[in-house]
Amino acid sequence: MQEGLCLRIYLSESDSIENAPALESILEICQKAGLAGVSVLRGIEGLGKHGVHTASFLGLSSHLPIIIEVVDSSEKINQALPSIQQVLPTALMVTLPIHIIQQSEE
């Protein structure tokens, strides 16, 4: 087991950076930083500073919640974080201490 850090970035599908979807820009930053694992999770409903956003048949929202979850060593996450904060200065971000358990390939 290895100690690490999980960075969670909370966004909306409609968030953008320089006219491109924010999640694409963040994935590019993470890839350039050589981070081990990045997943993008799309929520079906969320409550944030702009109210409730939901995916219903009557009102398909383009403002559904997105969570980008990054897992790596504390050092690598902390090195990449300033670049992410620079392009997303107002986004909610949290870090969580984790234990990385790597499964061996059989």
N, C-alpha and C. Protein backbone atom coordinates (compact mmCIF):
# COMPACT_ATOMS: atom_id res chain seq x y z
N MET A 1 0.84 -1.18 0.00
CA MET A 1 0.00 0.00 0.00
C MET A 1 0.88 1.25 0.00
N GLN A 2 0.40 2.25 -0.68
CA GLN A 2 1.13 3.51 -0.81
C GLN A 2 0.21 4.66 -0.42
N GLU A 3 0.75 5.64 0.31
CA GLU A 3 -0.03 6.82 0.66
C GLU A 3 -0.18 7.70 -0.58
N GLY A 4 -1.32 8.32 -0.72
CA GLY A 4 -1.54 9.19 -1.86
C GLY A 4 -2.58 10.25 -1.55
N LEU A 5 -3.04 10.89 -2.60
CA LEU A 5 -4.01 11.97 -2.48
C LEU A 5 -5.04 11.82 -3.59
N CYS A 6 -6.28 12.11 -3.26
CA CYS A 6 -7.35 12.17 -4.25
C CYS A 6 -7.78 13.63 -4.34
N LEU A 7 -7.73 14.17 -5.54
CA LEU A 7 -8.21 15.52 -5.81
C LEU A 7 -9.55 15.40 -6.51
N ARG A 8 -10.57 16.03 -5.96
CA ARG A 8 -11.89 16.06 -6.60
C ARG A 8 -12.19 17.49 -7.01
N ILE A 9 -12.60 17.62 -8.26
CA ILE A 9 -12.94 18.93 -8.82
C ILE A 9 -14.41 18.87 -9.20
N TYR A 10 -15.20 19.78 -8.66
CA TYR A 10 -16.64 19.81 -8.92
C TYR A 10 -16.94 20.87 -9.96
N LEU A 11 -17.53 20.44 -11.07
CA LEU A 11 -17.85 21.33 -12.18
C LEU A 11 -19.27 21.10 -12.66
N SER A 12 -19.64 21.87 -13.65
CA SER A 12 -20.89 21.68 -14.38
C SER A 12 -20.53 21.37 -15.82
N GLU A 13 -21.39 20.63 -16.50
CA GLU A 13 -21.15 20.33 -17.91
C GLU A 13 -20.94 21.59 -18.74
N SER A 14 -21.56 22.67 -18.33
CA SER A 14 -21.49 23.91 -19.11
C SER A 14 -20.24 24.73 -18.83
N ASP A 15 -19.44 24.35 -17.83
CA ASP A 15 -18.21 25.10 -17.53
C ASP A 15 -17.23 24.98 -18.69
N SER A 16 -16.58 26.11 -18.99
CA SER A 16 -15.62 26.09 -20.10
C SER A 16 -14.37 26.90 -19.72
N ILE A 17 -13.30 26.58 -20.43
CA ILE A 17 -12.03 27.29 -20.31
C ILE A 17 -11.62 27.66 -21.73
N GLU A 18 -11.56 28.94 -22.01
CA GLU A 18 -11.20 29.43 -23.34
C GLU A 18 -12.04 28.76 -24.44
N ASN A 19 -13.34 28.76 -24.24
CA ASN A 19 -14.32 28.24 -25.20
C ASN A 19 -14.24 26.73 -25.45
N ALA A 20 -13.57 26.00 -24.59
CA ALA A 20 -13.52 24.54 -24.67
C ALA A 20 -14.11 23.99 -23.37
N PRO A 21 -14.71 22.79 -23.41
CA PRO A 21 -15.23 22.22 -22.16
C PRO A 21 -14.13 22.13 -21.10
N ALA A 22 -14.44 22.57 -19.88
CA ALA A 22 -13.46 22.60 -18.81
C ALA A 22 -12.86 21.22 -18.55
N LEU A 23 -13.67 20.18 -18.64
CA LEU A 23 -13.15 18.86 -18.33
C LEU A 23 -12.06 18.44 -19.31
N GLU A 24 -12.15 18.84 -20.56
CA GLU A 24 -11.10 18.52 -21.54
C GLU A 24 -9.79 19.22 -21.18
N SER A 25 -9.88 20.48 -20.77
CA SER A 25 -8.68 21.23 -20.38
C SER A 25 -8.03 20.63 -19.15
N ILE A 26 -8.83 20.21 -18.19
CA ILE A 26 -8.29 19.62 -16.96
C ILE A 26 -7.64 18.28 -17.26
N LEU A 27 -8.27 17.48 -18.11
CA LEU A 27 -7.67 16.19 -18.49
C LEU A 27 -6.32 16.41 -19.17
N GLU A 28 -6.22 17.43 -20.00
CA GLU A 28 -4.95 17.73 -20.68
C GLU A 28 -3.87 18.14 -19.67
N ILE A 29 -4.23 18.97 -18.70
CA ILE A 29 -3.27 19.37 -17.66
C ILE A 29 -2.81 18.15 -16.88
N CYS A 30 -3.73 17.28 -16.52
CA CYS A 30 -3.39 16.07 -15.75
C CYS A 30 -2.50 15.14 -16.55
N GLN A 31 -2.78 15.01 -17.84
CA GLN A 31 -1.96 14.16 -18.69
C GLN A 31 -0.54 14.71 -18.80
N LYS A 32 -0.41 16.02 -19.02
CA LYS A 32 0.91 16.64 -19.11
C LYS A 32 1.68 16.52 -17.80
N ALA A 33 0.96 16.51 -16.67
CA ALA A 33 1.61 16.40 -15.36
C ALA A 33 1.98 14.94 -15.04
N GLY A 34 1.52 14.02 -15.90
CA GLY A 34 1.85 12.60 -15.70
C GLY A 34 1.12 11.97 -14.53
N LEU A 35 -0.08 12.46 -14.23
CA LEU A 35 -0.83 11.92 -13.10
C LEU A 35 -1.35 10.52 -13.44
N ALA A 36 -1.35 9.66 -12.43
CA ALA A 36 -1.61 8.23 -12.63
C ALA A 36 -3.05 7.90 -13.02
N GLY A 37 -4.02 8.51 -12.38
CA GLY A 37 -5.40 8.15 -12.64
C GLY A 37 -6.32 9.33 -12.60
N VAL A 38 -7.12 9.48 -13.64
CA VAL A 38 -8.10 10.57 -13.71
C VAL A 38 -9.40 10.00 -14.26
N SER A 39 -10.49 10.25 -13.55
CA SER A 39 -11.81 9.81 -14.01
C SER A 39 -12.75 11.00 -14.02
N VAL A 40 -13.66 11.01 -14.98
CA VAL A 40 -14.69 12.04 -15.06
C VAL A 40 -16.02 11.35 -14.82
N LEU A 41 -16.74 11.83 -13.82
CA LEU A 41 -18.02 11.24 -13.45
C LEU A 41 -19.13 12.26 -13.72
N ARG A 42 -20.17 11.82 -14.39
CA ARG A 42 -21.30 12.71 -14.71
C ARG A 42 -22.45 12.39 -13.77
N GLY A 43 -22.91 13.41 -13.08
CA GLY A 43 -24.03 13.23 -12.15
C GLY A 43 -25.36 13.33 -12.85
N ILE A 44 -26.37 12.74 -12.24
CA ILE A 44 -27.72 12.84 -12.80
C ILE A 44 -28.52 13.95 -12.14
N GLU A 45 -28.01 14.43 -11.01
CA GLU A 45 -28.68 15.51 -10.31
C GLU A 45 -27.69 16.16 -9.36
N GLY A 46 -27.86 17.45 -9.14
CA GLY A 46 -26.96 18.13 -8.22
C GLY A 46 -27.56 19.42 -7.72
N LEU A 47 -27.03 19.89 -6.60
CA LEU A 47 -27.44 21.15 -6.00
C LEU A 47 -26.18 21.96 -5.79
N GLY A 48 -26.16 23.17 -6.33
CA GLY A 48 -24.99 24.02 -6.20
C GLY A 48 -25.38 25.47 -6.07
N LYS A 49 -24.41 26.34 -6.33
CA LYS A 49 -24.67 27.77 -6.14
C LYS A 49 -25.73 28.33 -7.08
N HIS A 50 -26.02 27.60 -8.17
CA HIS A 50 -27.05 28.05 -9.12
C HIS A 50 -28.34 27.24 -9.00
N GLY A 51 -28.53 26.55 -7.90
CA GLY A 51 -29.76 25.80 -7.67
C GLY A 51 -29.64 24.33 -8.02
N VAL A 52 -30.81 23.70 -8.22
CA VAL A 52 -30.88 22.27 -8.51
C VAL A 52 -30.79 22.06 -10.01
N HIS A 53 -29.98 21.09 -10.41
CA HIS A 53 -29.87 20.69 -11.81
C HIS A 53 -30.20 19.22 -11.88
N THR A 54 -31.07 18.87 -12.81
CA THR A 54 -31.50 17.48 -12.89
C THR A 54 -31.63 17.04 -14.34
N ALA A 55 -31.48 15.75 -14.56
CA ALA A 55 -31.67 15.17 -15.88
C ALA A 55 -33.04 14.50 -15.87
N SER A 56 -34.04 15.22 -16.32
CA SER A 56 -35.38 14.65 -16.38
C SER A 56 -35.83 14.66 -17.83
N PHE A 57 -36.85 13.88 -18.11
CA PHE A 57 -37.35 13.82 -19.48
C PHE A 57 -37.94 15.15 -19.92
N LEU A 58 -38.45 15.94 -18.98
CA LEU A 58 -39.06 17.21 -19.34
C LEU A 58 -38.05 18.32 -19.55
N GLY A 59 -36.92 18.24 -18.88
CA GLY A 59 -35.93 19.31 -18.99
C GLY A 59 -34.52 18.76 -18.96
N LEU A 60 -34.02 18.29 -20.08
CA LEU A 60 -32.66 17.77 -20.12
C LEU A 60 -31.70 18.94 -19.96
N SER A 61 -31.01 18.95 -18.85
CA SER A 61 -30.13 20.07 -18.51
C SER A 61 -28.75 19.89 -19.12
N SER A 62 -28.14 21.00 -19.52
CA SER A 62 -26.74 20.97 -19.95
C SER A 62 -25.86 21.45 -18.80
N HIS A 63 -26.47 21.56 -17.62
CA HIS A 63 -25.74 22.05 -16.45
C HIS A 63 -25.61 20.95 -15.39
N LEU A 64 -25.58 19.70 -15.82
CA LEU A 64 -25.47 18.61 -14.86
C LEU A 64 -24.09 18.61 -14.21
N PRO A 65 -24.02 18.07 -12.99
CA PRO A 65 -22.73 18.08 -12.29
C PRO A 65 -21.73 17.11 -12.90
N ILE A 66 -20.48 17.53 -12.85
CA ILE A 66 -19.35 16.72 -13.30
C ILE A 66 -18.35 16.69 -12.13
N ILE A 67 -17.83 15.52 -11.83
CA ILE A 67 -16.75 15.41 -10.85
C ILE A 67 -15.55 14.82 -11.57
N ILE A 68 -14.43 15.52 -11.47
CA ILE A 68 -13.17 15.00 -11.99
C ILE A 68 -12.40 14.52 -10.77
N GLU A 69 -12.05 13.25 -10.77
CA GLU A 69 -11.33 12.66 -9.64
C GLU A 69 -9.94 12.25 -10.10
N VAL A 70 -8.94 12.77 -9.42
CA VAL A 70 -7.53 12.53 -9.76
C VAL A 70 -6.87 11.81 -8.59
N VAL A 71 -6.18 10.71 -8.89
CA VAL A 71 -5.52 9.92 -7.85
C VAL A 71 -4.04 9.78 -8.20
N ASP A 72 -3.18 10.11 -7.24
CA ASP A 72 -1.74 9.95 -7.41
C ASP A 72 -1.07 10.24 -6.08
N SER A 73 0.25 10.33 -6.10
CA SER A 73 0.99 10.68 -4.88
C SER A 73 0.67 12.13 -4.51
N SER A 74 0.84 12.43 -3.23
CA SER A 74 0.62 13.80 -2.76
C SER A 74 1.51 14.79 -3.50
N GLU A 75 2.75 14.38 -3.74
CA GLU A 75 3.71 15.27 -4.40
C GLU A 75 3.25 15.63 -5.81
N LYS A 76 2.81 14.61 -6.58
CA LYS A 76 2.41 14.88 -7.96
C LYS A 76 1.12 15.70 -8.04
N ILE A 77 0.17 15.41 -7.14
CA ILE A 77 -1.07 16.19 -7.11
C ILE A 77 -0.75 17.64 -6.75
N ASN A 78 0.07 17.84 -5.73
CA ASN A 78 0.41 19.20 -5.29
C ASN A 78 1.20 19.96 -6.35
N GLN A 79 1.96 19.27 -7.19
CA GLN A 79 2.67 19.94 -8.28
C GLN A 79 1.71 20.39 -9.38
N ALA A 80 0.69 19.59 -9.66
CA ALA A 80 -0.27 19.91 -10.72
C ALA A 80 -1.34 20.91 -10.27
N LEU A 81 -1.60 20.98 -8.99
CA LEU A 81 -2.69 21.80 -8.47
C LEU A 81 -2.62 23.28 -8.86
N PRO A 82 -1.46 23.95 -8.81
CA PRO A 82 -1.43 25.36 -9.22
C PRO A 82 -1.88 25.58 -10.67
N SER A 83 -1.53 24.68 -11.57
CA SER A 83 -1.96 24.80 -12.97
C SER A 83 -3.46 24.66 -13.10
N ILE A 84 -4.02 23.75 -12.31
CA ILE A 84 -5.48 23.54 -12.34
C ILE A 84 -6.18 24.75 -11.73
N GLN A 85 -5.68 25.25 -10.60
CA GLN A 85 -6.29 26.41 -9.96
C GLN A 85 -6.20 27.66 -10.83
N GLN A 86 -5.17 27.75 -11.62
CA GLN A 86 -5.01 28.92 -12.49
C GLN A 86 -6.12 28.99 -13.53
N VAL A 87 -6.53 27.84 -14.08
CA VAL A 87 -7.58 27.85 -15.11
C VAL A 87 -8.98 27.72 -14.52
N LEU A 88 -9.08 27.28 -13.25
CA LEU A 88 -10.37 27.15 -12.57
C LEU A 88 -10.31 27.86 -11.21
N PRO A 89 -10.15 29.18 -11.20
CA PRO A 89 -9.94 29.88 -9.92
C PRO A 89 -11.13 29.84 -8.97
N THR A 90 -12.34 29.61 -9.47
CA THR A 90 -13.52 29.64 -8.59
C THR A 90 -14.16 28.27 -8.39
N ALA A 91 -13.59 27.23 -8.97
CA ALA A 91 -14.18 25.89 -8.86
C ALA A 91 -13.96 25.32 -7.46
N LEU A 92 -14.92 24.55 -7.00
CA LEU A 92 -14.78 23.85 -5.73
C LEU A 92 -13.87 22.64 -5.94
N MET A 93 -12.82 22.55 -5.13
CA MET A 93 -11.89 21.43 -5.19
C MET A 93 -11.62 20.97 -3.77
N VAL A 94 -11.48 19.66 -3.61
CA VAL A 94 -11.15 19.10 -2.30
C VAL A 94 -10.07 18.04 -2.50
N THR A 95 -9.28 17.82 -1.46
CA THR A 95 -8.32 16.73 -1.48
C THR A 95 -8.62 15.80 -0.31
N LEU A 96 -8.39 14.53 -0.55
CA LEU A 96 -8.64 13.51 0.46
C LEU A 96 -7.42 12.60 0.54
N PRO A 97 -6.93 12.33 1.75
CA PRO A 97 -5.81 11.38 1.86
C PRO A 97 -6.32 9.98 1.54
N ILE A 98 -5.53 9.21 0.81
CA ILE A 98 -5.95 7.87 0.40
C ILE A 98 -4.80 6.87 0.56
N HIS A 99 -5.14 5.61 0.53
CA HIS A 99 -4.18 4.52 0.44
C HIS A 99 -4.34 3.93 -0.95
N ILE A 100 -3.29 3.93 -1.71
CA ILE A 100 -3.33 3.38 -3.08
C ILE A 100 -2.98 1.90 -2.99
N ILE A 101 -3.89 1.08 -3.47
CA ILE A 101 -3.68 -0.37 -3.49
C ILE A 101 -3.61 -0.78 -4.94
N GLN A 102 -2.46 -1.17 -5.36
CA GLN A 102 -2.23 -1.53 -6.77
C GLN A 102 -2.39 -3.04 -6.91
N GLN A 103 -3.28 -3.44 -7.79
CA GLN A 103 -3.48 -4.86 -8.04
C GLN A 103 -2.47 -5.32 -9.07
N SER A 104 -1.91 -6.49 -8.84
CA SER A 104 -0.96 -7.03 -9.82
C SER A 104 -1.74 -7.66 -10.97
N GLU A 105 -1.20 -7.53 -12.15
CA GLU A 105 -1.83 -8.13 -13.34
C GLU A 105 -1.47 -9.60 -13.40
N GLU A 106 -2.46 -10.41 -13.71
CA GLU A 106 -2.23 -11.85 -13.79
C GLU A 106 -2.26 -12.34 -15.20
